[in-house]
């Protein structure tokens, strides 16, 4: 499986990035989420990691 991510910068707001993902199937999104979780865990303290995952999980479940 090959997944590419393109990053587009908003000209009016350089802090606002848009990510275009080449494959949005459930399998691809699952692979991306595990990769991001692994990367976040390596770069953050345990408390920061839990805080971030909790925020992401809450954001993803707002539609439920």
C-alpha atoms as a PDB file:
ATOM      1  CA  UNK A   1       0.000   0.000   0.000  1.00  0.00           C
ATOM      2  CA  UNK A   2       1.325   3.414  -0.924  1.00  0.00           C
ATOM      3  CA  UNK A   3      -0.252   6.513   0.601  1.00  0.00           C
ATOM      4  CA  UNK A   4       0.870   9.988  -0.401  1.00  0.00           C
ATOM      5  CA  UNK A   5       0.097  13.176   1.480  1.00  0.00           C
ATOM      6  CA  UNK A   6       0.343  16.551  -0.230  1.00  0.00           C
ATOM      7  CA  UNK A   7       0.478  19.698   1.881  1.00  0.00           C
ATOM      8  CA  UNK A   8      -1.062  22.908   0.587  1.00  0.00           C
ATOM      9  CA  UNK A   9      -0.411  26.247   2.280  1.00  0.00           C
ATOM     10  CA  UNK A  10      -3.165  28.803   2.449  1.00  0.00           C
ATOM     11  CA  UNK A  11      -1.752  32.020   0.940  1.00  0.00           C
ATOM     12  CA  UNK A  12      -3.699  34.284   3.294  1.00  0.00           C
ATOM     13  CA  UNK A  13      -2.871  32.285   6.421  1.00  0.00           C
ATOM     14  CA  UNK A  14       0.489  30.473   6.451  1.00  0.00           C
ATOM     15  CA  UNK A  15      -0.439  28.633   9.675  1.00  0.00           C
ATOM     16  CA  UNK A  16      -3.441  26.990   8.003  1.00  0.00           C
ATOM     17  CA  UNK A  17      -2.253  23.884   6.136  1.00  0.00           C
ATOM     18  CA  UNK A  18      -4.445  21.593   4.080  1.00  0.00           C
ATOM     19  CA  UNK A  19      -3.528  17.929   3.705  1.00  0.00           C
ATOM     20  CA  UNK A  20      -4.583  15.918   0.660  1.00  0.00           C
ATOM     21  CA  UNK A  21      -4.454  12.158   1.223  1.00  0.00           C
ATOM     22  CA  UNK A  22      -4.236   9.904  -1.841  1.00  0.00           C
ATOM     23  CA  UNK A  23      -6.171   7.002  -0.312  1.00  0.00           C
ATOM     24  CA  UNK A  24      -9.056   7.573   2.103  1.00  0.00           C
ATOM     25  CA  UNK A  25     -10.161   3.950   2.445  1.00  0.00           C
ATOM     26  CA  UNK A  26     -10.720   2.632   5.975  1.00  0.00           C
ATOM     27  CA  UNK A  27      -7.560   0.554   5.705  1.00  0.00           C
ATOM     28  CA  UNK A  28      -5.425   3.532   4.649  1.00  0.00           C
ATOM     29  CA  UNK A  29      -6.819   5.793   7.380  1.00  0.00           C
ATOM     30  CA  UNK A  30      -6.155   3.088   9.976  1.00  0.00           C
ATOM     31  CA  UNK A  31      -2.536   2.762   8.790  1.00  0.00           C
ATOM     32  CA  UNK A  32      -2.106   6.547   8.937  1.00  0.00           C
ATOM     33  CA  UNK A  33      -3.594   6.789  12.429  1.00  0.00           C
ATOM     34  CA  UNK A  34      -1.281   4.089  13.815  1.00  0.00           C
ATOM     35  CA  UNK A  35       1.724   5.760  12.169  1.00  0.00           C
ATOM     36  CA  UNK A  36       0.761   9.149  13.623  1.00  0.00           C
ATOM     37  CA  UNK A  37       0.165   7.652  17.071  1.00  0.00           C
ATOM     38  CA  UNK A  38       3.586   5.959  16.949  1.00  0.00           C
ATOM     39  CA  UNK A  39       5.280   9.183  15.878  1.00  0.00           C
ATOM     40  CA  UNK A  40       3.496  11.225  18.540  1.00  0.00           C
ATOM     41  CA  UNK A  41       4.458   8.725  21.226  1.00  0.00           C
ATOM     42  CA  UNK A  42       8.142   9.008  20.321  1.00  0.00           C
ATOM     43  CA  UNK A  43       8.152  12.822  20.333  1.00  0.00           C
ATOM     44  CA  UNK A  44       6.057  13.635  23.380  1.00  0.00           C
ATOM     45  CA  UNK A  45       6.059  12.906  27.060  1.00  0.00           C
ATOM     46  CA  UNK A  46       3.505  10.325  28.158  1.00  0.00           C
ATOM     47  CA  UNK A  47       1.220  13.030  29.595  1.00  0.00           C
ATOM     48  CA  UNK A  48       1.372  15.108  26.387  1.00  0.00           C
ATOM     49  CA  UNK A  49       0.696  12.001  24.328  1.00  0.00           C
ATOM     50  CA  UNK A  50      -2.395  11.059  26.348  1.00  0.00           C
ATOM     51  CA  UNK A  51      -3.670  14.632  26.234  1.00  0.00           C
ATOM     52  CA  UNK A  52      -3.285  14.798  22.442  1.00  0.00           C
ATOM     53  CA  UNK A  53      -4.894  11.396  21.812  1.00  0.00           C
ATOM     54  CA  UNK A  54      -7.789  12.329  24.100  1.00  0.00           C
ATOM     55  CA  UNK A  55      -8.349  15.573  22.162  1.00  0.00           C
ATOM     56  CA  UNK A  56      -8.167  13.783  18.797  1.00  0.00           C
ATOM     57  CA  UNK A  57     -10.531  11.032  19.958  1.00  0.00           C
ATOM     58  CA  UNK A  58     -13.015  13.617  21.250  1.00  0.00           C
ATOM     59  CA  UNK A  59     -12.836  15.526  17.965  1.00  0.00           C
ATOM     60  CA  UNK A  60     -13.363  12.392  15.892  1.00  0.00           C
ATOM     61  CA  UNK A  61     -16.366  11.329  17.989  1.00  0.00           C
ATOM     62  CA  UNK A  62     -18.213  14.678  17.980  1.00  0.00           C
ATOM     63  CA  UNK A  63     -20.509  13.455  15.184  1.00  0.00           C
ATOM     64  CA  UNK A  64     -21.672  10.394  17.178  1.00  0.00           C
END
